[in-house]
């Protein structure tokens, strides 16, 4: 077998393979032998027809079976011989079988990126301390009290800051309803009826609460506000919005006292002391999970910044489509309309493409580390991950496994488990530095 490798950009390689006549003839005869044993030819008992007669009658079928067999087997052998790291075989073309039975063809391969691994043990990661303070417990308790608060009407006084209020409001831009003029504006900014807000600087836009200060129940006010330059929706930034607000009512919030009875309302059967212990355990778990995520993200960033490599474009396209689907589903769950998503299609595609390249690059690096360290996914580990997915989608294990195999997605699940194991290995070998929270967030 004569094999020539042609390396092309974007992780593509062409294998030019030529099989000699004696080898092809031998395989041809083996295929013909199989046909002779089962062929039914008038005038001959099964298995007794001469080879030339069988060849004449089934030449096309023999050639098809021979080609399928030799292309598959010799391509795999050529890949092993040349030591190529192949992700998939893209296509086979230029197939030729000469009268002398010399076979030639070209197999186009998608190969794994070539790069040198940086030092991956002892990567410096910075994380905040995991200790849970009494102040953090109190903050959790305060949020629980607010969640279980009751409200009563306030009468006989004007509206003050930090009051809870019920309003009707409408927003216009250039004399027309805001959402008619600018579809990308947040729906909550467009107007509402019997809408509850807390009067503070975080309500809607800066200055909104100030304009309501001092209102009496039943009063209506008209005013305009200029949207800040750095507003989250650029199409609305710097524009002047006109508001019409009617105060329907002022509400006073009553927080429950911190008692065993309150604790039992939060979690049945718990005392206040037990609740505090539970909250501390939850905070510890949250901090541990966040610390692990911070470590993994910093490790991935470090590795990606120390590796330069090409990526297979077909894989980038597939991953981009997958991420685009995730982005669209996430935004639809947030209530973003299809029209808005269509208008932002270019930005979505651009973001998905960047994320796809980052994700693929990281996965190739981590997979290479797994190979070097001998990290593998055990059958039980794969089963456990599939069981998690089955529980998540509320189906039986067998159903989930069947669906994954039908969609050819079991390999993706195996890869996710492998990547997780590699990240656990890297974090356990990282050089951890404890720093203040503000340093991590900077």
Protein backbone atom coordinates (compact mmCIF):
# COMPACT_ATOMS: atom_id res chain seq x y z
CA UNK A 1 0.00 0.00 0.00
CA UNK A 2 1.38 3.40 -1.04
CA UNK A 3 0.13 6.28 1.14
CA UNK A 4 0.81 9.98 0.76
CA UNK A 5 -0.42 12.52 3.32
CA UNK A 6 -1.29 16.05 2.25
CA UNK A 7 -1.83 18.39 5.21
CA UNK A 8 -4.27 21.21 4.49
CA UNK A 9 -5.42 24.25 6.52
CA UNK A 10 -8.16 24.08 9.17
CA UNK A 11 -7.23 20.59 10.42
CA UNK A 12 -7.86 18.80 7.13
CA UNK A 13 -5.63 16.09 5.69
CA UNK A 14 -5.90 14.19 2.42
CA UNK A 15 -4.77 10.58 2.26
CA UNK A 16 -3.80 9.57 -1.29
CA UNK A 17 -3.88 5.78 -1.25
CA UNK A 18 -2.81 3.35 -3.96
CA UNK A 19 -3.33 -0.39 -3.53
CA UNK A 20 -1.17 -2.74 -5.63
CA UNK A 21 -2.62 -5.15 -8.15
CA UNK A 22 -1.67 -8.35 -6.34
CA UNK A 23 -3.31 -7.19 -3.10
CA UNK A 24 -6.51 -6.03 -4.83
CA UNK A 25 -6.66 -9.22 -6.93
CA UNK A 26 -6.39 -11.36 -3.81
CA UNK A 27 -9.24 -9.45 -2.15
CA UNK A 28 -11.24 -9.57 -5.39
CA UNK A 29 -10.97 -13.34 -5.46
CA UNK A 30 -12.13 -13.53 -1.82
CA UNK A 31 -15.22 -11.49 -2.61
CA UNK A 32 -15.94 -13.59 -5.71
CA UNK A 33 -15.61 -16.73 -3.60
CA UNK A 34 -18.34 -15.45 -1.33
CA UNK A 35 -20.61 -14.77 -4.29
CA UNK A 36 -19.95 -18.25 -5.76
CA UNK A 37 -21.18 -19.92 -2.59
CA UNK A 38 -24.59 -18.22 -2.66
CA UNK A 39 -25.12 -17.33 -6.33
CA UNK A 40 -27.89 -19.09 -8.21
CA UNK A 41 -26.89 -19.46 -11.88
CA UNK A 42 -28.91 -21.59 -14.31
CA UNK A 43 -27.06 -24.77 -15.24
CA UNK A 44 -24.87 -24.84 -12.14
CA UNK A 45 -25.39 -26.16 -8.63
CA UNK A 46 -24.88 -23.58 -5.81
CA UNK A 47 -21.15 -23.07 -5.27
CA UNK A 48 -20.12 -24.84 -8.48
CA UNK A 49 -20.32 -22.03 -11.06
CA UNK A 50 -16.90 -21.08 -12.52
CA UNK A 51 -15.35 -17.87 -11.27
CA UNK A 52 -15.45 -16.17 -14.67
CA UNK A 53 -19.19 -16.87 -14.96
CA UNK A 54 -19.87 -15.42 -11.51
CA UNK A 55 -17.68 -12.40 -12.31
CA UNK A 56 -19.53 -11.76 -15.54
CA UNK A 57 -22.96 -11.91 -13.91
CA UNK A 58 -22.18 -10.00 -10.68
CA UNK A 59 -19.27 -7.73 -11.70
CA UNK A 60 -20.97 -4.53 -10.52
CA UNK A 61 -21.99 -5.99 -7.15
CA UNK A 62 -18.55 -7.56 -6.64
CA UNK A 63 -16.82 -4.29 -7.37
CA UNK A 64 -19.12 -2.39 -4.98
CA UNK A 65 -18.49 -4.82 -2.12
CA UNK A 66 -14.74 -4.90 -2.80
CA UNK A 67 -14.55 -1.09 -2.86
CA UNK A 68 -16.52 -0.71 0.34
CA UNK A 69 -14.33 -3.27 2.11
CA UNK A 70 -10.95 -2.03 0.89
CA UNK A 71 -11.64 1.68 1.29
CA UNK A 72 -12.76 1.21 4.89
CA UNK A 73 -10.01 -1.20 5.94
CA UNK A 74 -7.08 0.45 4.15
CA UNK A 75 -8.06 3.96 5.24
CA UNK A 76 -8.02 2.84 8.87
CA UNK A 77 -4.68 1.07 8.30
CA UNK A 78 -3.21 4.18 6.62
CA UNK A 79 -4.31 6.34 9.53
CA UNK A 80 -2.57 3.97 11.96
CA UNK A 81 0.53 3.77 9.77
CA UNK A 82 0.91 7.55 9.58
CA UNK A 83 0.04 8.11 13.23
CA UNK A 84 -2.75 10.57 12.44
CA UNK A 85 -5.15 11.79 15.12
CA UNK A 86 -8.37 11.70 13.16
CA UNK A 87 -11.70 13.08 14.35
CA UNK A 88 -13.72 11.86 11.38
CA UNK A 89 -13.53 10.88 7.71
CA UNK A 90 -15.14 13.65 5.69
CA UNK A 91 -15.36 12.03 2.25
CA UNK A 92 -13.80 9.58 -0.17
CA UNK A 93 -13.34 10.70 -3.77
CA UNK A 94 -11.31 10.02 -6.90
CA UNK A 95 -11.94 6.28 -6.64
CA UNK A 96 -10.32 4.38 -9.53
CA UNK A 97 -10.03 0.66 -10.20
CA UNK A 98 -7.84 0.02 -13.25
CA UNK A 99 -8.17 -2.98 -15.59
CA UNK A 100 -4.96 -4.26 -13.93
CA UNK A 101 -6.83 -4.04 -10.61
CA UNK A 102 -4.78 -1.25 -9.11
CA UNK A 103 -7.05 0.78 -6.79
CA UNK A 104 -6.55 4.48 -6.08
CA UNK A 105 -8.62 6.89 -4.01
CA UNK A 106 -8.34 9.96 -1.80
CA UNK A 107 -9.79 10.10 1.72
CA UNK A 108 -10.34 13.55 3.21
CA UNK A 109 -9.89 13.53 6.97
CA UNK A 110 -10.70 15.97 9.74
CA UNK A 111 -7.82 15.81 12.17
CA UNK A 112 -7.29 16.89 15.74
CA UNK A 113 -5.44 20.24 16.08
CA UNK A 114 -1.69 20.09 16.50
CA UNK A 115 -0.21 21.99 19.45
CA UNK A 116 2.20 21.67 22.33
CA UNK A 117 0.67 21.39 25.78
CA UNK A 118 1.81 24.06 28.23
CA UNK A 119 2.67 23.14 31.82
CA UNK A 120 -0.72 22.32 33.29
CA UNK A 121 0.14 21.32 36.84
CA UNK A 122 0.48 24.04 39.44
CA UNK A 123 -1.54 26.69 37.55
CA UNK A 124 -2.10 29.71 39.79
CA UNK A 125 -5.75 30.35 40.63
CA UNK A 126 -7.12 33.06 42.90
CA UNK A 127 -10.25 32.44 44.95
CA UNK A 128 -11.96 34.18 47.87
CA UNK A 129 -12.09 32.61 51.33
CA UNK A 130 -14.79 30.00 51.90
CA UNK A 131 -15.60 31.02 55.46
CA UNK A 132 -19.24 31.88 56.17
CA UNK A 133 -19.69 34.89 58.47
CA UNK A 134 -22.50 35.60 60.92
CA UNK A 135 -23.29 38.69 58.85
CA UNK A 136 -23.94 36.53 55.78
CA UNK A 137 -26.28 34.33 57.83
CA UNK A 138 -28.15 37.45 58.96
CA UNK A 139 -28.44 38.63 55.35
CA UNK A 140 -29.95 35.28 54.39
CA UNK A 141 -32.39 35.49 57.27
CA UNK A 142 -33.35 39.03 56.25
CA UNK A 143 -34.17 37.87 52.72
CA UNK A 144 -36.29 35.06 54.13
CA UNK A 145 -38.14 37.55 56.34
CA UNK A 146 -38.82 39.77 53.32
CA UNK A 147 -40.07 36.76 51.37
CA UNK A 148 -42.55 35.96 54.17
CA UNK A 149 -43.50 39.58 54.85
CA UNK A 150 -47.06 40.91 54.97
CA UNK A 151 -48.24 44.28 53.70
CA UNK A 152 -50.82 46.78 54.92
CA UNK A 153 -52.20 50.01 53.46
CA UNK A 154 -50.67 53.31 54.52
CA UNK A 155 -53.07 56.24 54.71
CA UNK A 156 -52.85 59.87 55.67
CA UNK A 157 -49.33 60.64 54.43
CA UNK A 158 -47.38 61.30 51.26
CA UNK A 159 -45.10 58.84 49.51
CA UNK A 160 -41.60 58.44 50.99
CA UNK A 161 -38.44 56.74 49.79
CA UNK A 162 -38.27 52.98 50.45
CA UNK A 163 -42.07 52.72 50.52
CA UNK A 164 -43.71 49.91 48.62
CA UNK A 165 -46.28 51.30 46.21
CA UNK A 166 -48.87 50.18 43.66
CA UNK A 167 -48.96 52.23 40.46
CA UNK A 168 -50.49 52.42 37.01
CA UNK A 169 -48.03 53.83 34.49
CA UNK A 170 -47.60 54.38 30.78
CA UNK A 171 -44.44 55.32 28.87
CA UNK A 172 -44.28 57.17 25.56
CA UNK A 173 -41.47 58.13 23.20
CA UNK A 174 -41.96 60.91 20.69
CA UNK A 175 -45.67 60.95 21.53
CA UNK A 176 -46.28 57.26 20.88
CA UNK A 177 -46.25 54.19 23.20
CA UNK A 178 -42.64 53.23 23.85
CA UNK A 179 -42.91 49.63 22.65
CA UNK A 180 -44.48 50.76 19.35
CA UNK A 181 -41.54 53.06 18.66
CA UNK A 182 -38.78 50.78 19.96
CA UNK A 183 -39.56 47.06 20.03
CA UNK A 184 -36.23 46.28 21.69
CA UNK A 185 -37.12 48.28 24.80
CA UNK A 186 -37.75 46.12 27.90
CA UNK A 187 -41.46 45.36 28.27
CA UNK A 188 -41.39 46.36 31.92
CA UNK A 189 -40.41 49.88 30.86
CA UNK A 190 -43.39 50.19 28.54
CA UNK A 191 -46.15 50.40 31.12
CA UNK A 192 -48.31 48.42 33.50
CA UNK A 193 -51.35 48.36 35.77
CA UNK A 194 -51.46 47.59 39.51
CA UNK A 195 -47.69 47.31 39.39
CA UNK A 196 -45.75 46.92 42.66
CA UNK A 197 -42.41 48.66 43.12
CA UNK A 198 -40.16 49.71 45.96
CA UNK A 199 -39.30 53.38 45.82
CA UNK A 200 -35.50 53.46 45.65
CA UNK A 201 -32.74 54.45 43.24
CA UNK A 202 -32.85 51.06 41.48
CA UNK A 203 -36.46 51.44 40.31
CA UNK A 204 -36.72 51.57 36.48
CA UNK A 205 -34.42 54.50 35.69
CA UNK A 206 -32.29 56.84 37.75
CA UNK A 207 -34.50 59.69 38.91
CA UNK A 208 -37.80 57.80 38.53
CA UNK A 209 -38.33 57.40 42.26
CA UNK A 210 -37.37 61.02 42.92
CA UNK A 211 -40.19 62.16 40.62
CA UNK A 212 -42.73 60.12 42.59
CA UNK A 213 -41.56 61.29 46.02
CA UNK A 214 -44.31 63.15 47.92
CA UNK A 215 -47.24 61.85 45.84
CA UNK A 216 -50.60 61.21 47.50
CA UNK A 217 -52.76 58.15 46.83
CA UNK A 218 -54.91 58.82 43.74
CA UNK A 219 -52.56 61.47 42.38
CA UNK A 220 -51.24 61.36 38.79
CA UNK A 221 -47.95 62.85 37.65
CA UNK A 222 -46.49 63.42 34.19
CA UNK A 223 -42.73 63.79 33.77
CA UNK A 224 -39.88 62.94 31.43
CA UNK A 225 -36.54 61.23 32.04
CA UNK A 226 -33.45 60.89 29.88
CA UNK A 227 -32.21 57.29 29.68
CA UNK A 228 -28.55 56.95 30.85
CA UNK A 229 -25.82 56.58 28.20
CA UNK A 230 -24.83 53.15 29.53
CA UNK A 231 -28.35 51.68 29.60
CA UNK A 232 -28.43 47.91 29.02
CA UNK A 233 -30.46 48.30 25.78
CA UNK A 234 -28.44 50.62 23.48
CA UNK A 235 -31.47 51.44 21.29
CA UNK A 236 -33.08 53.19 24.27
CA UNK A 237 -29.95 54.87 25.70
CA UNK A 238 -29.84 58.70 25.70
CA UNK A 239 -33.49 58.97 24.62
CA UNK A 240 -36.10 61.03 26.46
CA UNK A 241 -39.05 59.01 27.79
CA UNK A 242 -42.34 60.53 28.96
CA UNK A 243 -44.04 58.87 31.95
CA UNK A 244 -47.59 59.12 33.22
CA UNK A 245 -47.88 57.58 36.71
CA UNK A 246 -50.91 57.19 38.95
CA UNK A 247 -50.35 56.22 42.60
CA UNK A 248 -52.90 53.53 43.50
CA UNK A 249 -51.70 52.85 47.03
CA UNK A 250 -48.85 52.99 49.55
CA UNK A 251 -47.94 49.77 51.32
CA UNK A 252 -46.12 49.14 54.57
CA UNK A 253 -44.11 45.93 54.90
CA UNK A 254 -44.24 44.00 58.18
CA UNK A 255 -41.39 41.57 58.68
CA UNK A 256 -42.00 38.45 60.77
CA UNK A 257 -40.03 38.15 63.99
CA UNK A 258 -37.13 35.75 64.13
CA UNK A 259 -38.73 33.00 66.18
CA UNK A 260 -39.01 29.22 66.11
CA UNK A 261 -42.47 29.68 64.63
CA UNK A 262 -41.04 31.68 61.72
CA UNK A 263 -38.33 29.05 61.16
CA UNK A 264 -40.99 26.33 61.00
CA UNK A 265 -42.83 28.32 58.33
CA UNK A 266 -39.67 28.43 56.24
CA UNK A 267 -38.84 24.73 56.70
CA UNK A 268 -41.41 22.65 58.52
CA UNK A 269 -40.16 21.28 61.82
CA UNK A 270 -37.06 23.48 62.13
CA UNK A 271 -36.26 25.73 65.09
CA UNK A 272 -34.55 29.06 64.54
CA UNK A 273 -31.20 27.61 65.60
CA UNK A 274 -31.69 24.68 63.22
CA UNK A 275 -32.57 27.10 60.42
CA UNK A 276 -29.36 29.05 60.99
CA UNK A 277 -27.36 25.82 60.82
CA UNK A 278 -29.14 24.88 57.56
CA UNK A 279 -28.46 28.31 56.06
CA UNK A 280 -24.79 28.05 57.02
CA UNK A 281 -24.54 24.64 55.33
CA UNK A 282 -26.20 26.03 52.20
CA UNK A 283 -23.81 28.98 52.11
CA UNK A 284 -20.80 26.72 52.57
CA UNK A 285 -21.99 24.55 49.67
CA UNK A 286 -22.64 27.62 47.48
CA UNK A 287 -19.18 28.99 48.23
CA UNK A 288 -17.52 25.65 47.52
CA UNK A 289 -19.34 25.36 44.19
CA UNK A 290 -18.44 28.94 43.25
CA UNK A 291 -14.81 28.37 44.25
CA UNK A 292 -14.66 25.25 42.07
CA UNK A 293 -16.15 27.16 39.13
CA UNK A 294 -13.68 30.03 39.61
CA UNK A 295 -10.77 27.59 39.64
CA UNK A 296 -11.97 25.82 36.50
CA UNK A 297 -12.59 29.06 34.58
CA UNK A 298 -9.15 30.42 35.46
CA UNK A 299 -7.48 27.15 34.48
CA UNK A 300 -9.30 27.09 31.12
CA UNK A 301 -8.38 30.74 30.48
CA UNK A 302 -4.74 30.02 31.30
CA UNK A 303 -4.53 26.97 29.03
CA UNK A 304 -6.34 28.68 26.14
CA UNK A 305 -4.05 31.73 26.36
CA UNK A 306 -0.96 29.48 26.17
CA UNK A 307 -2.09 27.42 23.15
CA UNK A 308 -2.35 28.58 19.56
CA UNK A 309 -3.90 26.16 17.08
CA UNK A 310 -6.19 25.85 14.10
CA UNK A 311 -9.65 24.41 14.58
CA UNK A 312 -11.64 22.17 12.20
CA UNK A 313 -14.16 24.49 10.58
CA UNK A 314 -16.88 21.85 10.24
CA UNK A 315 -16.73 21.31 14.01
CA UNK A 316 -16.81 25.07 14.61
CA UNK A 317 -19.94 25.34 12.45
CA UNK A 318 -21.68 22.47 14.27
CA UNK A 319 -20.79 23.91 17.68
CA UNK A 320 -21.90 27.39 16.58
CA UNK A 321 -25.32 26.02 15.59
CA UNK A 322 -25.60 24.22 18.93
CA UNK A 323 -24.73 27.37 20.91
CA UNK A 324 -27.08 29.49 18.78
CA UNK A 325 -29.89 27.10 19.69
CA UNK A 326 -28.98 27.47 23.38
CA UNK A 327 -28.96 31.28 23.12
CA UNK A 328 -32.33 31.38 21.34
CA UNK A 329 -33.96 28.99 23.84
CA UNK A 330 -32.58 30.97 26.78
CA UNK A 331 -33.89 34.27 25.39
CA UNK A 332 -37.28 32.79 24.52
CA UNK A 333 -37.60 31.64 28.14
CA UNK A 334 -36.90 35.26 29.15
CA UNK A 335 -39.79 36.40 26.99
CA UNK A 336 -37.76 37.84 24.10
CA UNK A 337 -39.88 37.79 20.93
CA UNK A 338 -38.88 36.07 17.69
CA UNK A 339 -38.87 39.45 15.92
CA UNK A 340 -36.28 40.82 18.32
CA UNK A 341 -34.18 37.66 17.98
CA UNK A 342 -34.35 37.97 14.19
CA UNK A 343 -33.25 41.62 14.33
CA UNK A 344 -30.25 40.62 16.45
CA UNK A 345 -29.40 37.55 14.37
CA UNK A 346 -25.97 38.84 13.29
CA UNK A 347 -24.95 39.59 16.87
CA UNK A 348 -26.22 36.17 18.02
CA UNK A 349 -24.28 34.39 15.28
CA UNK A 350 -21.13 36.37 16.09
CA UNK A 351 -21.38 35.60 19.82
CA UNK A 352 -22.14 31.93 19.15
CA UNK A 353 -19.14 31.63 16.81
CA UNK A 354 -16.76 33.13 19.39
CA UNK A 355 -18.12 30.87 22.13
CA UNK A 356 -17.91 27.84 19.85
CA UNK A 357 -14.24 28.47 19.11
CA UNK A 358 -13.45 29.01 22.79
CA UNK A 359 -15.33 25.88 23.86
CA UNK A 360 -13.82 23.67 21.15
CA UNK A 361 -10.30 24.90 21.83
CA UNK A 362 -10.68 24.23 25.55
CA UNK A 363 -12.10 20.74 24.90
CA UNK A 364 -9.24 19.82 22.57
CA UNK A 365 -6.69 20.93 25.16
CA UNK A 366 -8.41 19.10 28.00
CA UNK A 367 -8.81 15.96 25.89
CA UNK A 368 -5.09 16.03 25.10
CA UNK A 369 -4.33 16.27 28.84
CA UNK A 370 -6.66 13.31 29.45
CA UNK A 371 -4.73 11.30 26.85
CA UNK A 372 -1.37 12.22 28.39
CA UNK A 373 -2.51 11.47 31.95
CA UNK A 374 -4.42 8.30 31.07
CA UNK A 375 -7.73 9.73 32.30
CA UNK A 376 -10.69 7.72 30.97
CA UNK A 377 -14.42 7.46 31.48
CA UNK A 378 -15.45 4.23 33.18
CA UNK A 379 -18.73 2.56 32.16
CA UNK A 380 -20.21 3.19 35.62
CA UNK A 381 -19.35 6.89 35.41
CA UNK A 382 -21.13 7.16 32.08
CA UNK A 383 -24.17 5.34 33.48
CA UNK A 384 -24.27 7.71 36.45
CA UNK A 385 -24.24 10.74 34.15
CA UNK A 386 -27.03 9.29 32.00
CA UNK A 387 -29.02 8.62 35.18
CA UNK A 388 -28.64 12.29 36.15
CA UNK A 389 -30.01 13.29 32.75
CA UNK A 390 -32.86 10.79 33.08
CA UNK A 391 -33.80 12.27 36.47
CA UNK A 392 -33.57 15.78 35.06
CA UNK A 393 -35.97 14.99 32.19
CA UNK A 394 -38.09 12.66 34.35
CA UNK A 395 -37.73 9.60 32.15
CA UNK A 396 -36.45 6.09 32.84
CA UNK A 397 -32.76 5.33 32.47
CA UNK A 398 -33.37 2.92 29.58
CA UNK A 399 -35.41 5.54 27.70
CA UNK A 400 -32.71 8.20 28.14
CA UNK A 401 -29.96 5.81 27.03
CA UNK A 402 -31.99 4.75 23.99
CA UNK A 403 -32.66 8.38 23.00
CA UNK A 404 -29.00 9.33 23.34
CA UNK A 405 -27.87 6.37 21.22
CA UNK A 406 -30.54 7.08 18.60
CA UNK A 407 -29.37 10.70 18.31
CA UNK A 408 -25.73 9.57 18.41
CA UNK A 409 -25.23 11.83 21.41
CA UNK A 410 -23.80 9.30 23.83
CA UNK A 411 -20.31 10.32 22.69
CA UNK A 412 -21.06 13.90 23.66
CA UNK A 413 -22.14 12.77 27.13
CA UNK A 414 -18.96 10.71 27.48
CA UNK A 415 -16.91 13.76 26.47
CA UNK A 416 -18.67 15.91 29.10
CA UNK A 417 -17.81 13.37 31.80
CA UNK A 418 -14.20 13.18 30.57
CA UNK A 419 -13.82 17.00 30.55
CA UNK A 420 -15.20 17.12 34.08
CA UNK A 421 -12.69 14.54 35.27
CA UNK A 422 -9.80 16.42 33.67
CA UNK A 423 -10.91 19.69 35.28
CA UNK A 424 -11.10 17.94 38.66
CA UNK A 425 -7.56 16.66 38.09
CA UNK A 426 -6.30 20.13 37.16
CA UNK A 427 -7.99 21.89 40.08
CA UNK A 428 -6.59 19.32 42.51
CA UNK A 429 -3.12 20.12 41.13
CA UNK A 430 -3.56 23.90 40.98
CA UNK A 431 -1.65 26.44 43.03
CA UNK A 432 -4.44 28.11 45.02
CA UNK A 433 -4.09 31.63 46.40
CA UNK A 434 -6.75 32.97 48.77
CA UNK A 435 -7.49 36.63 48.04
CA UNK A 436 -10.19 39.15 49.05
CA UNK A 437 -13.51 38.97 47.20
CA UNK A 438 -12.94 42.32 45.47
CA UNK A 439 -9.68 41.02 43.93
CA UNK A 440 -11.51 38.07 42.36
CA UNK A 441 -14.23 40.34 40.95
CA UNK A 442 -11.79 42.91 39.55
